Structures are given as C-alpha cells and as structure tokens.
C-alpha cells in the first residue's frame, strides 16, 4: 500500500491523535505540578493551562479535527504572530499597566522572586514603591535593579519562545485538518469500492 492512501492517512491521523493526547496530558500535569510546588500562585493561569489541556485532550479523543482544529489554528496563529510582533514599548506599557493593578502582596512576591525593587524610575510612585520593597538586594546594597528591566528581559524571551512554539504547532494543526479531510474523502479498500466513508 502506498503512503498517501487510506491506510497511511488513517495511521497518520491516529499518530496525531496520540500526540495531541500526550500534549493535553502534559499541559494538565505541568499545571498541577507548578501549583503543587508553589511556582505559580495565580489560580487563573493554572486554570487556563488546565482548560487548554482538557480542551486539547477532548479534541484528540473525539477526533473533531476539521472544524475545531481549523478554529484553533486561526486563534493560535494570530496570537503567535502577535507574540512575535510586539515591540519593547508595547511590552513596557503592558507591564506598567499591570503593575499598578496588582495587589501589594503580588508586587511583594514578584520583587522577592526577581530580587528587584520598584518598576521603572520614570513613575512618580517609584520612590514609594522602593521604600516598601522587601527584596533581598535592598539589604545587600544601597540600590537594587528595577523590576521593569528584569520583566522586560524575561517577557521578551518568553514572547519569542511562545510565539515560535505556537507558530510551529499551529501548522501541525493545519496538517491535522488536511489529514482529516483527506481521510474522510478516501475510499476504504476493504469496504464496498463504490462507498465513501
């Protein structure tokens, strides 16, 4: 049997199902592990990752590729391109807006985990933020690095990685849609030759 025929399409589609099941289980497991170790304190992030994992697992189990994966491709492709296209000034705006919406407890946790104080020096509240900082660097030296600079460095790396990985997997979703359409429209050589599946 030649590859590209009914059996090859069926096996490739089954293999893709298994990969998406494993990725879904991996997302659920990593989110639970991160919550268990206390690496991520936000329940919204954990809930979102678990929801994506469950959604991907359901897609793989149900095999609803053509419609759902087509929609997931559109969203994932758009978000991946946005992650890769966002410039440093937009990242600064987002970080600045997020910083002042956070609770004081969250700011303290971030300052301690990144070992920095305050956000950016161009804000009028920087000195007040710096005075209440509980990071280790403050006790070791008279000045600490600003959190905004560290956040920008990490967010730039994270956006590039997320955008690249998302873009790669969005094209595997198109492969899944193509395989599902191809498999659906092929004749099963073992069945009635005039019947389509």
N, C-alpha and C. Protein backbone atom coordinates (compact mmCIF):
# COMPACT_ATOMS: atom_id res chain seq x y z
N UNK A 1 0.85 -1.17 0.00
CA UNK A 1 0.00 0.00 0.00
C UNK A 1 0.90 1.23 0.00
N UNK A 2 0.61 2.15 -0.89
CA UNK A 2 1.40 3.37 -1.00
C UNK A 2 1.05 4.35 0.12
N UNK A 3 2.07 5.09 0.53
CA UNK A 3 1.80 6.12 1.53
C UNK A 3 1.00 7.23 0.85
N UNK A 4 0.03 7.74 1.52
CA UNK A 4 -0.87 8.72 0.92
C UNK A 4 -2.20 8.08 0.63
N UNK A 5 -2.27 6.76 0.77
CA UNK A 5 -3.52 6.06 0.59
C UNK A 5 -4.33 6.06 1.88
N UNK A 6 -5.35 5.22 1.89
CA UNK A 6 -6.27 5.15 3.03
C UNK A 6 -5.55 4.76 4.31
N UNK A 7 -4.74 3.71 4.28
CA UNK A 7 -4.07 3.23 5.49
C UNK A 7 -3.07 4.25 6.02
N UNK A 8 -2.34 4.89 5.14
CA UNK A 8 -1.36 5.89 5.57
C UNK A 8 -2.05 7.10 6.21
N UNK A 9 -3.14 7.57 5.62
CA UNK A 9 -3.88 8.69 6.20
C UNK A 9 -4.45 8.33 7.55
N UNK A 10 -4.98 7.11 7.65
CA UNK A 10 -5.57 6.65 8.92
C UNK A 10 -4.49 6.56 10.00
N UNK A 11 -3.33 5.99 9.67
CA UNK A 11 -2.26 5.86 10.65
C UNK A 11 -1.69 7.22 11.06
N UNK A 12 -1.53 8.13 10.10
CA UNK A 12 -1.02 9.47 10.42
C UNK A 12 -2.00 10.22 11.31
N UNK A 13 -3.30 10.07 11.05
CA UNK A 13 -4.31 10.71 11.87
C UNK A 13 -4.33 10.13 13.28
N UNK A 14 -4.16 8.83 13.40
CA UNK A 14 -4.08 8.19 14.72
C UNK A 14 -2.84 8.65 15.48
N UNK A 15 -1.72 8.77 14.78
CA UNK A 15 -0.49 9.24 15.43
C UNK A 15 -0.64 10.67 15.91
N UNK A 16 -1.29 11.51 15.11
CA UNK A 16 -1.52 12.90 15.51
C UNK A 16 -2.46 12.96 16.72
N UNK A 17 -3.46 12.07 16.75
CA UNK A 17 -4.35 11.98 17.92
C UNK A 17 -3.55 11.66 19.17
N UNK A 18 -2.65 10.69 19.08
CA UNK A 18 -1.85 10.29 20.23
C UNK A 18 -0.96 11.45 20.69
N UNK A 19 -0.36 12.18 19.74
CA UNK A 19 0.50 13.32 20.09
C UNK A 19 -0.32 14.38 20.83
N UNK A 20 -1.51 14.71 20.32
CA UNK A 20 -2.33 15.73 20.98
C UNK A 20 -2.85 15.25 22.33
N UNK A 21 -3.11 13.96 22.49
CA UNK A 21 -3.48 13.43 23.81
C UNK A 21 -2.33 13.60 24.79
N UNK A 22 -1.12 13.28 24.35
CA UNK A 22 0.05 13.43 25.22
C UNK A 22 0.31 14.89 25.58
N UNK A 23 0.16 15.78 24.60
CA UNK A 23 0.35 17.20 24.87
C UNK A 23 -0.70 17.70 25.86
N UNK A 24 -1.95 17.27 25.70
CA UNK A 24 -3.01 17.65 26.63
C UNK A 24 -2.73 17.16 28.03
N UNK A 25 -2.33 15.90 28.17
CA UNK A 25 -1.99 15.35 29.48
C UNK A 25 -0.77 16.06 30.07
N UNK A 26 0.19 16.39 29.22
CA UNK A 26 1.39 17.10 29.68
C UNK A 26 1.03 18.49 30.22
N UNK A 27 0.15 19.21 29.52
CA UNK A 27 -0.27 20.53 30.00
C UNK A 27 -0.97 20.43 31.35
N UNK A 28 -1.86 19.45 31.49
CA UNK A 28 -2.57 19.27 32.76
C UNK A 28 -1.59 18.91 33.86
N UNK A 29 -0.66 18.00 33.57
CA UNK A 29 0.32 17.57 34.57
C UNK A 29 1.26 18.68 35.00
N UNK A 30 1.75 19.47 34.02
CA UNK A 30 2.67 20.57 34.35
C UNK A 30 1.96 21.64 35.17
N UNK A 31 0.70 21.93 34.84
CA UNK A 31 -0.05 22.92 35.61
C UNK A 31 -0.25 22.45 37.05
N UNK A 32 -0.60 21.18 37.22
CA UNK A 32 -0.78 20.64 38.57
C UNK A 32 0.54 20.62 39.34
N UNK A 33 1.63 20.27 38.65
CA UNK A 33 2.95 20.24 39.28
C UNK A 33 3.37 21.64 39.71
N UNK A 34 3.16 22.64 38.84
CA UNK A 34 3.51 24.02 39.17
C UNK A 34 2.71 24.54 40.35
N UNK A 35 1.44 24.18 40.42
CA UNK A 35 0.61 24.59 41.55
C UNK A 35 1.05 23.89 42.83
N UNK A 36 1.36 22.60 42.72
CA UNK A 36 1.79 21.82 43.89
C UNK A 36 3.09 22.32 44.49
N UNK A 37 4.02 22.74 43.65
CA UNK A 37 5.30 23.24 44.14
C UNK A 37 5.26 24.72 44.52
N UNK A 38 4.16 25.36 44.19
CA UNK A 38 4.04 26.78 44.51
C UNK A 38 4.80 27.68 43.56
N UNK A 39 5.16 27.19 42.37
CA UNK A 39 5.87 28.01 41.40
C UNK A 39 4.98 29.10 40.82
N UNK A 40 3.70 28.77 40.64
CA UNK A 40 2.74 29.72 40.11
C UNK A 40 1.65 29.91 41.14
N UNK A 41 1.43 31.15 41.57
CA UNK A 41 0.44 31.39 42.62
C UNK A 41 -0.91 31.82 42.05
N UNK A 42 -0.97 32.17 40.78
CA UNK A 42 -2.21 32.65 40.19
C UNK A 42 -3.09 31.47 39.77
N UNK A 43 -4.27 31.41 40.35
CA UNK A 43 -5.20 30.33 40.02
C UNK A 43 -5.75 30.50 38.60
N UNK A 44 -5.75 31.74 38.10
CA UNK A 44 -6.25 31.99 36.73
C UNK A 44 -5.31 31.37 35.70
N UNK A 45 -4.01 31.49 35.92
CA UNK A 45 -3.04 30.91 34.98
C UNK A 45 -3.14 29.39 35.01
N UNK A 46 -3.18 28.81 36.21
CA UNK A 46 -3.31 27.36 36.35
C UNK A 46 -4.60 26.88 35.70
N UNK A 47 -5.70 27.57 35.97
CA UNK A 47 -6.99 27.19 35.39
C UNK A 47 -6.98 27.26 33.88
N UNK A 48 -6.34 28.30 33.34
CA UNK A 48 -6.26 28.45 31.88
C UNK A 48 -5.46 27.34 31.23
N UNK A 49 -4.32 26.99 31.84
CA UNK A 49 -3.48 25.92 31.28
C UNK A 49 -4.20 24.59 31.35
N UNK A 50 -4.86 24.33 32.48
CA UNK A 50 -5.62 23.07 32.61
C UNK A 50 -6.77 23.03 31.61
N UNK A 51 -7.45 24.16 31.41
CA UNK A 51 -8.56 24.21 30.44
C UNK A 51 -8.07 23.92 29.03
N UNK A 52 -6.93 24.50 28.66
CA UNK A 52 -6.37 24.23 27.32
C UNK A 52 -6.01 22.76 27.19
N UNK A 53 -5.41 22.19 28.24
CA UNK A 53 -5.05 20.76 28.22
C UNK A 53 -6.26 19.86 28.07
N UNK A 54 -7.32 20.16 28.83
CA UNK A 54 -8.55 19.36 28.74
C UNK A 54 -9.19 19.52 27.37
N UNK A 55 -9.20 20.75 26.85
CA UNK A 55 -9.78 21.01 25.53
C UNK A 55 -9.03 20.23 24.44
N UNK A 56 -7.71 20.27 24.51
CA UNK A 56 -6.89 19.54 23.53
C UNK A 56 -7.09 18.04 23.66
N UNK A 57 -7.21 17.56 24.88
CA UNK A 57 -7.47 16.13 25.12
C UNK A 57 -8.82 15.72 24.55
N UNK A 58 -9.83 16.55 24.73
CA UNK A 58 -11.16 16.24 24.19
C UNK A 58 -11.17 16.24 22.67
N UNK A 59 -10.44 17.18 22.08
CA UNK A 59 -10.34 17.21 20.62
C UNK A 59 -9.72 15.91 20.12
N UNK A 60 -8.64 15.48 20.78
CA UNK A 60 -7.94 14.27 20.35
C UNK A 60 -8.80 13.04 20.54
N UNK A 61 -9.53 12.96 21.65
CA UNK A 61 -10.37 11.79 21.90
C UNK A 61 -11.55 11.76 20.94
N UNK A 62 -12.19 12.91 20.74
CA UNK A 62 -13.37 12.94 19.87
C UNK A 62 -13.00 12.93 18.40
N UNK A 63 -11.81 13.38 18.06
CA UNK A 63 -11.39 13.39 16.66
C UNK A 63 -12.13 14.40 15.81
N UNK A 64 -12.55 15.50 16.41
CA UNK A 64 -13.29 16.54 15.68
C UNK A 64 -12.32 17.53 15.05
N UNK A 65 -11.53 17.04 14.11
CA UNK A 65 -10.42 17.85 13.62
C UNK A 65 -10.80 18.97 12.69
N UNK A 66 -11.60 18.68 11.70
CA UNK A 66 -11.76 19.65 10.63
C UNK A 66 -12.30 20.98 11.12
N UNK A 67 -13.29 20.97 11.98
CA UNK A 67 -13.90 22.22 12.42
C UNK A 67 -13.11 22.86 13.56
N UNK A 68 -12.91 22.09 14.61
CA UNK A 68 -12.29 22.65 15.82
C UNK A 68 -10.84 23.02 15.58
N UNK A 69 -10.07 22.14 14.97
CA UNK A 69 -8.66 22.47 14.73
C UNK A 69 -8.51 23.63 13.76
N UNK A 70 -9.44 23.77 12.85
CA UNK A 70 -9.41 24.93 11.96
C UNK A 70 -9.57 26.23 12.73
N UNK A 71 -10.51 26.24 13.69
CA UNK A 71 -10.71 27.43 14.52
C UNK A 71 -9.52 27.66 15.46
N UNK A 72 -9.02 26.57 16.05
CA UNK A 72 -7.86 26.69 16.95
C UNK A 72 -6.66 27.23 16.16
N UNK A 73 -6.49 26.77 14.92
CA UNK A 73 -5.39 27.27 14.09
C UNK A 73 -5.48 28.78 13.91
N UNK A 74 -6.67 29.28 13.60
CA UNK A 74 -6.84 30.71 13.36
C UNK A 74 -6.44 31.51 14.60
N UNK A 75 -6.96 31.10 15.77
CA UNK A 75 -6.64 31.81 17.01
C UNK A 75 -5.16 31.67 17.38
N UNK A 76 -4.65 30.46 17.30
CA UNK A 76 -3.26 30.23 17.69
C UNK A 76 -2.30 30.94 16.75
N UNK A 77 -2.58 30.94 15.47
CA UNK A 77 -1.72 31.63 14.51
C UNK A 77 -1.71 33.13 14.78
N UNK A 78 -2.89 33.69 15.04
CA UNK A 78 -2.98 35.12 15.32
C UNK A 78 -2.25 35.51 16.60
N UNK A 79 -2.42 34.72 17.65
CA UNK A 79 -1.77 35.01 18.92
C UNK A 79 -0.26 34.83 18.79
N UNK A 80 0.18 33.80 18.08
CA UNK A 80 1.62 33.57 17.89
C UNK A 80 2.27 34.72 17.13
N UNK A 81 1.61 35.17 16.08
CA UNK A 81 2.14 36.31 15.33
C UNK A 81 2.18 37.57 16.19
N UNK A 82 1.16 37.75 17.05
CA UNK A 82 1.14 38.90 17.95
C UNK A 82 2.29 38.84 18.95
N UNK A 83 2.56 37.63 19.47
CA UNK A 83 3.67 37.46 20.42
C UNK A 83 5.00 37.82 19.76
N UNK A 84 5.17 37.42 18.51
CA UNK A 84 6.43 37.71 17.82
C UNK A 84 6.54 39.17 17.38
N UNK A 85 5.40 39.83 17.19
CA UNK A 85 5.41 41.19 16.64
C UNK A 85 5.42 42.29 17.71
N UNK A 86 5.11 41.96 18.95
CA UNK A 86 5.01 43.00 19.97
C UNK A 86 6.38 43.61 20.25
N UNK A 87 6.44 44.93 20.22
CA UNK A 87 7.73 45.60 20.41
C UNK A 87 7.96 45.96 21.88
N UNK A 88 9.13 46.47 22.16
CA UNK A 88 9.53 46.74 23.55
C UNK A 88 8.69 47.83 24.21
N UNK A 89 8.29 48.84 23.47
CA UNK A 89 7.49 49.91 24.06
C UNK A 89 6.10 49.42 24.45
N UNK A 90 5.52 48.53 23.65
CA UNK A 90 4.22 47.95 23.99
C UNK A 90 4.35 47.05 25.21
N UNK A 91 5.46 46.29 25.28
CA UNK A 91 5.69 45.45 26.46
C UNK A 91 5.81 46.33 27.71
N UNK A 92 6.50 47.46 27.59
CA UNK A 92 6.64 48.39 28.70
C UNK A 92 5.28 48.91 29.15
N UNK A 93 4.43 49.26 28.18
CA UNK A 93 3.09 49.75 28.50
C UNK A 93 2.27 48.69 29.24
N UNK A 94 2.34 47.45 28.76
CA UNK A 94 1.58 46.36 29.38
C UNK A 94 2.08 46.09 30.79
N UNK A 95 3.40 46.04 30.95
CA UNK A 95 3.98 45.79 32.28
C UNK A 95 3.62 46.93 33.24
N UNK A 96 3.71 48.16 32.77
CA UNK A 96 3.39 49.32 33.60
C UNK A 96 1.92 49.30 34.02
N UNK A 97 1.03 49.02 33.09
CA UNK A 97 -0.40 48.97 33.41
C UNK A 97 -0.70 47.82 34.38
N UNK A 98 -0.06 46.68 34.18
CA UNK A 98 -0.30 45.52 35.05
C UNK A 98 0.23 45.76 36.45
N UNK A 99 1.36 46.43 36.57
CA UNK A 99 1.99 46.64 37.88
C UNK A 99 1.08 47.41 38.82
N UNK A 100 0.42 48.44 38.31
CA UNK A 100 -0.40 49.29 39.18
C UNK A 100 -1.77 48.70 39.45
N UNK A 101 -2.14 47.65 38.74
CA UNK A 101 -3.41 46.97 39.00
C UNK A 101 -3.22 45.86 40.04
N UNK A 102 -1.99 45.36 40.17
CA UNK A 102 -1.69 44.26 41.10
C UNK A 102 -1.90 44.68 42.55
N UNK A 103 -2.17 43.67 43.37
CA UNK A 103 -2.24 43.93 44.81
C UNK A 103 -0.83 44.09 45.37
N UNK A 104 -0.73 44.68 46.53
CA UNK A 104 0.59 44.87 47.16
C UNK A 104 1.25 43.54 47.46
N UNK A 105 0.46 42.54 47.81
CA UNK A 105 1.01 41.22 48.10
C UNK A 105 1.67 40.62 46.86
N UNK A 106 1.01 40.75 45.72
CA UNK A 106 1.56 40.22 44.47
C UNK A 106 2.83 40.95 44.09
N UNK A 107 2.84 42.28 44.27
CA UNK A 107 4.04 43.05 43.97
C UNK A 107 5.21 42.62 44.87
N UNK A 108 4.92 42.41 46.15
CA UNK A 108 5.96 41.95 47.08
C UNK A 108 6.52 40.59 46.66
N UNK A 109 5.62 39.67 46.25
CA UNK A 109 6.07 38.34 45.80
C UNK A 109 6.97 38.46 44.58
N UNK A 110 6.58 39.31 43.63
CA UNK A 110 7.39 39.50 42.43
C UNK A 110 8.74 40.12 42.74
N UNK A 111 8.75 41.12 43.62
CA UNK A 111 10.01 41.76 43.98
C UNK A 111 10.95 40.79 44.68
N UNK A 112 10.39 39.94 45.53
CA UNK A 112 11.24 38.96 46.20
C UNK A 112 11.72 37.88 45.25
N UNK A 113 10.86 37.38 44.38
CA UNK A 113 11.27 36.29 43.49
C UNK A 113 12.24 36.76 42.40
N UNK A 114 12.09 38.01 41.92
CA UNK A 114 13.01 38.54 40.90
C UNK A 114 14.17 39.30 41.52
N UNK A 115 14.16 39.51 42.82
CA UNK A 115 15.20 40.24 43.56
C UNK A 115 15.42 41.63 42.95
N UNK A 116 14.34 42.43 42.96
CA UNK A 116 14.38 43.77 42.41
C UNK A 116 13.42 44.66 43.19
N UNK A 117 13.50 45.96 42.97
CA UNK A 117 12.63 46.90 43.68
C UNK A 117 12.05 47.91 42.71
N UNK A 118 10.77 48.21 42.87
CA UNK A 118 10.11 49.21 42.03
C UNK A 118 9.94 48.74 40.60
N UNK A 119 9.27 49.56 39.83
CA UNK A 119 9.06 49.15 38.43
C UNK A 119 10.02 49.89 37.51
N UNK A 120 9.66 51.10 37.13
CA UNK A 120 10.52 51.93 36.30
C UNK A 120 10.74 53.26 37.02
N UNK A 121 11.85 53.87 36.81
CA UNK A 121 12.19 55.10 37.51
C UNK A 121 11.43 56.30 36.99
N UNK A 122 10.76 56.20 35.85
CA UNK A 122 10.05 57.37 35.31
C UNK A 122 8.68 57.56 35.95
N UNK A 123 8.28 56.69 36.86
CA UNK A 123 7.00 56.86 37.53
C UNK A 123 7.18 57.69 38.78
N UNK A 124 6.18 58.43 39.13
CA UNK A 124 6.25 59.26 40.34
C UNK A 124 6.13 58.41 41.60
N UNK A 125 5.57 57.24 41.49
CA UNK A 125 5.41 56.37 42.64
C UNK A 125 6.60 55.44 42.85
N UNK A 126 7.66 55.62 42.06
CA UNK A 126 8.81 54.73 42.16
C UNK A 126 9.44 54.77 43.54
N UNK A 127 9.63 55.96 44.10
CA UNK A 127 10.29 56.07 45.40
C UNK A 127 9.46 55.41 46.50
N UNK A 128 8.14 55.61 46.43
CA UNK A 128 7.25 54.97 47.41
C UNK A 128 7.31 53.45 47.27
N UNK A 129 7.33 52.98 46.04
CA UNK A 129 7.44 51.56 45.77
C UNK A 129 8.77 51.01 46.29
N UNK A 130 9.83 51.76 46.08
CA UNK A 130 11.16 51.34 46.50
C UNK A 130 11.27 51.31 48.03
N UNK A 131 10.62 52.27 48.71
CA UNK A 131 10.69 52.32 50.17
C UNK A 131 10.05 51.09 50.82
N UNK A 132 8.98 50.57 50.24
CA UNK A 132 8.28 49.42 50.81
C UNK A 132 8.77 48.08 50.27
N UNK A 133 9.82 48.09 49.48
CA UNK A 133 10.35 46.88 48.87
C UNK A 133 10.96 45.95 49.92
N UNK A 134 10.71 44.65 49.78
CA UNK A 134 11.24 43.66 50.73
C UNK A 134 12.21 42.69 50.07
N UNK A 135 12.76 43.06 48.93
CA UNK A 135 13.68 42.16 48.21
C UNK A 135 15.01 42.05 48.96
N UNK A 136 15.71 40.96 48.73
CA UNK A 136 17.00 40.70 49.38
C UNK A 136 18.06 41.71 48.94
N UNK A 137 18.02 42.14 47.69
CA UNK A 137 19.04 43.06 47.17
C UNK A 137 19.06 44.38 47.93
N UNK A 138 17.94 44.78 48.49
CA UNK A 138 17.87 46.05 49.20
C UNK A 138 18.71 46.02 50.48
N UNK A 139 18.75 44.86 51.11
CA UNK A 139 19.55 44.76 52.34
C UNK A 139 21.04 44.55 52.04
N UNK A 140 21.36 44.12 50.82
CA UNK A 140 22.75 43.83 50.47
C UNK A 140 23.47 45.02 49.84
N UNK A 141 22.74 45.90 49.20
CA UNK A 141 23.37 47.05 48.55
C UNK A 141 22.42 48.25 48.63
N UNK A 142 22.94 49.46 48.45
CA UNK A 142 22.08 50.65 48.57
C UNK A 142 21.07 50.78 47.42
N UNK A 143 21.37 50.20 46.27
CA UNK A 143 20.44 50.29 45.14
C UNK A 143 20.15 48.90 44.60
N UNK A 144 18.93 48.71 44.18
CA UNK A 144 18.51 47.45 43.55
C UNK A 144 18.16 47.72 42.09
N UNK A 145 18.26 46.68 41.32
CA UNK A 145 17.84 46.79 39.92
C UNK A 145 16.33 46.94 39.88
N UNK A 146 15.85 47.72 38.93
CA UNK A 146 14.40 47.93 38.80
C UNK A 146 13.75 46.68 38.22
N UNK A 147 12.57 46.37 38.72
CA UNK A 147 11.85 45.17 38.27
C UNK A 147 11.45 45.27 36.80
N UNK A 148 11.14 46.48 36.36
CA UNK A 148 10.71 46.65 34.98
C UNK A 148 11.72 46.14 33.98
N UNK A 149 13.00 46.40 34.23
CA UNK A 149 14.05 45.93 33.33
C UNK A 149 14.13 44.41 33.31
N UNK A 150 14.01 43.80 34.49
CA UNK A 150 14.05 42.34 34.55
C UNK A 150 12.81 41.74 33.87
N UNK A 151 11.65 42.36 34.10
CA UNK A 151 10.43 41.87 33.47
C UNK A 151 10.52 41.95 31.96
N UNK A 152 11.07 43.08 31.46
CA UNK A 152 11.21 43.23 30.00
C UNK A 152 12.11 42.16 29.41
N UNK A 153 13.21 41.86 30.10
CA UNK A 153 14.12 40.83 29.60
C UNK A 153 13.43 39.48 29.54
N UNK A 154 12.74 39.12 30.63
CA UNK A 154 12.05 37.82 30.67
C UNK A 154 10.85 37.77 29.72
N UNK A 155 10.10 38.88 29.63
CA UNK A 155 8.94 38.87 28.76
C UNK A 155 9.35 38.79 27.29
N UNK A 156 10.45 39.44 26.94
CA UNK A 156 10.94 39.38 25.56
C UNK A 156 11.31 37.95 25.18
N UNK A 157 12.04 37.27 26.07
CA UNK A 157 12.41 35.87 25.81
C UNK A 157 11.17 34.98 25.75
N UNK A 158 10.26 35.18 26.71
CA UNK A 158 9.06 34.33 26.78
C UNK A 158 8.18 34.53 25.55
N UNK A 159 8.02 35.78 25.10
CA UNK A 159 7.18 36.03 23.93
C UNK A 159 7.77 35.41 22.67
N UNK A 160 9.09 35.46 22.53
CA UNK A 160 9.72 34.83 21.37
C UNK A 160 9.54 33.32 21.39
N UNK A 161 9.73 32.72 22.56
CA UNK A 161 9.57 31.26 22.67
C UNK A 161 8.12 30.86 22.45
N UNK A 162 7.20 31.57 23.12
CA UNK A 162 5.78 31.24 22.96
C UNK A 162 5.32 31.44 21.52
N UNK A 163 5.75 32.53 20.91
CA UNK A 163 5.37 32.78 19.52
C UNK A 163 5.90 31.72 18.57
N UNK A 164 7.17 31.34 18.75
CA UNK A 164 7.76 30.31 17.89
C UNK A 164 7.13 28.96 18.06
N UNK A 165 6.93 28.54 19.31
CA UNK A 165 6.31 27.24 19.57
C UNK A 165 4.87 27.24 19.09
N UNK A 166 4.15 28.33 19.38
CA UNK A 166 2.76 28.42 18.93
C UNK A 166 2.64 28.39 17.42
N UNK A 167 3.54 29.08 16.74
CA UNK A 167 3.52 29.08 15.27
C UNK A 167 3.81 27.69 14.72
N UNK A 168 4.79 26.99 15.31
CA UNK A 168 5.11 25.64 14.87
C UNK A 168 3.91 24.72 15.03
N UNK A 169 3.30 24.73 16.21
CA UNK A 169 2.17 23.82 16.44
C UNK A 169 0.91 24.24 15.70
N UNK A 170 0.79 25.51 15.32
CA UNK A 170 -0.37 25.89 14.53
C UNK A 170 -0.32 25.23 13.15
N UNK A 171 0.90 25.05 12.62
CA UNK A 171 1.00 24.38 11.32
C UNK A 171 0.77 22.87 11.44
N UNK A 172 1.05 22.28 12.61
CA UNK A 172 0.69 20.87 12.79
C UNK A 172 -0.82 20.71 12.86
N UNK A 173 -1.51 21.75 13.33
CA UNK A 173 -2.98 21.70 13.34
C UNK A 173 -3.54 21.73 11.93
N UNK A 174 -2.92 22.51 11.05
CA UNK A 174 -3.35 22.51 9.65
C UNK A 174 -3.12 21.14 9.03
N UNK A 175 -2.01 20.50 9.41
CA UNK A 175 -1.74 19.13 8.95
C UNK A 175 -2.85 18.20 9.42
N UNK A 176 -3.29 18.36 10.66
CA UNK A 176 -4.39 17.55 11.18
C UNK A 176 -5.69 17.77 10.42
N UNK A 177 -6.00 19.01 10.10
CA UNK A 177 -7.21 19.32 9.32
C UNK A 177 -7.11 18.69 7.94
N UNK A 178 -5.95 18.83 7.31
CA UNK A 178 -5.76 18.25 5.97
C UNK A 178 -5.88 16.73 6.00
N UNK A 179 -5.26 16.10 7.01
CA UNK A 179 -5.35 14.64 7.12
C UNK A 179 -6.79 14.19 7.37
N UNK A 180 -7.52 14.91 8.20
CA UNK A 180 -8.91 14.54 8.47
C UNK A 180 -9.76 14.67 7.22
N UNK A 181 -9.57 15.75 6.46
CA UNK A 181 -10.33 15.92 5.22
C UNK A 181 -9.97 14.83 4.22
N UNK A 182 -8.70 14.54 4.12
CA UNK A 182 -8.23 13.51 3.18
C UNK A 182 -8.77 12.14 3.58
N UNK A 183 -8.70 11.81 4.85
CA UNK A 183 -9.18 10.52 5.34
C UNK A 183 -10.69 10.39 5.14
N UNK A 184 -11.40 11.48 5.37
CA UNK A 184 -12.86 11.45 5.25
C UNK A 184 -13.30 11.21 3.81
N UNK A 185 -12.53 11.70 2.86
CA UNK A 185 -12.92 11.60 1.46
C UNK A 185 -12.29 10.43 0.71
N UNK A 186 -11.59 9.54 1.41
CA UNK A 186 -10.97 8.40 0.73
C UNK A 186 -11.85 7.16 0.86
N UNK A 187 -11.69 6.28 -0.10
CA UNK A 187 -12.40 5.02 -0.08
C UNK A 187 -11.61 4.02 0.74
N UNK A 188 -12.34 3.22 1.52
CA UNK A 188 -11.71 2.13 2.26
C UNK A 188 -11.61 0.95 1.29
N UNK A 189 -10.40 0.47 1.00
CA UNK A 189 -10.25 -0.60 0.03
C UNK A 189 -10.89 -1.92 0.50
N UNK A 190 -11.10 -2.08 1.78
CA UNK A 190 -11.70 -3.32 2.29
C UNK A 190 -13.21 -3.30 2.22
N UNK A 191 -13.80 -2.11 2.10
CA UNK A 191 -15.27 -1.98 2.06
C UNK A 191 -15.75 -2.04 0.63
N UNK A 192 -16.99 -1.75 0.45
CA UNK A 192 -17.60 -1.69 -0.86
C UNK A 192 -16.86 -0.63 -1.68
N UNK A 193 -16.28 -0.95 -2.81
CA UNK A 193 -15.47 0.01 -3.57
C UNK A 193 -16.23 1.27 -4.02
N UNK A 194 -17.54 1.22 -4.10
CA UNK A 194 -18.27 2.40 -4.57
C UNK A 194 -18.74 3.27 -3.40
N UNK A 195 -18.48 2.85 -2.16
CA UNK A 195 -18.95 3.61 -0.99
C UNK A 195 -17.85 4.51 -0.46
N UNK A 196 -18.21 5.74 -0.14
CA UNK A 196 -17.28 6.66 0.52
C UNK A 196 -17.53 6.62 2.01
N UNK A 197 -16.49 6.90 2.78
CA UNK A 197 -16.64 6.99 4.24
C UNK A 197 -17.16 8.34 4.62
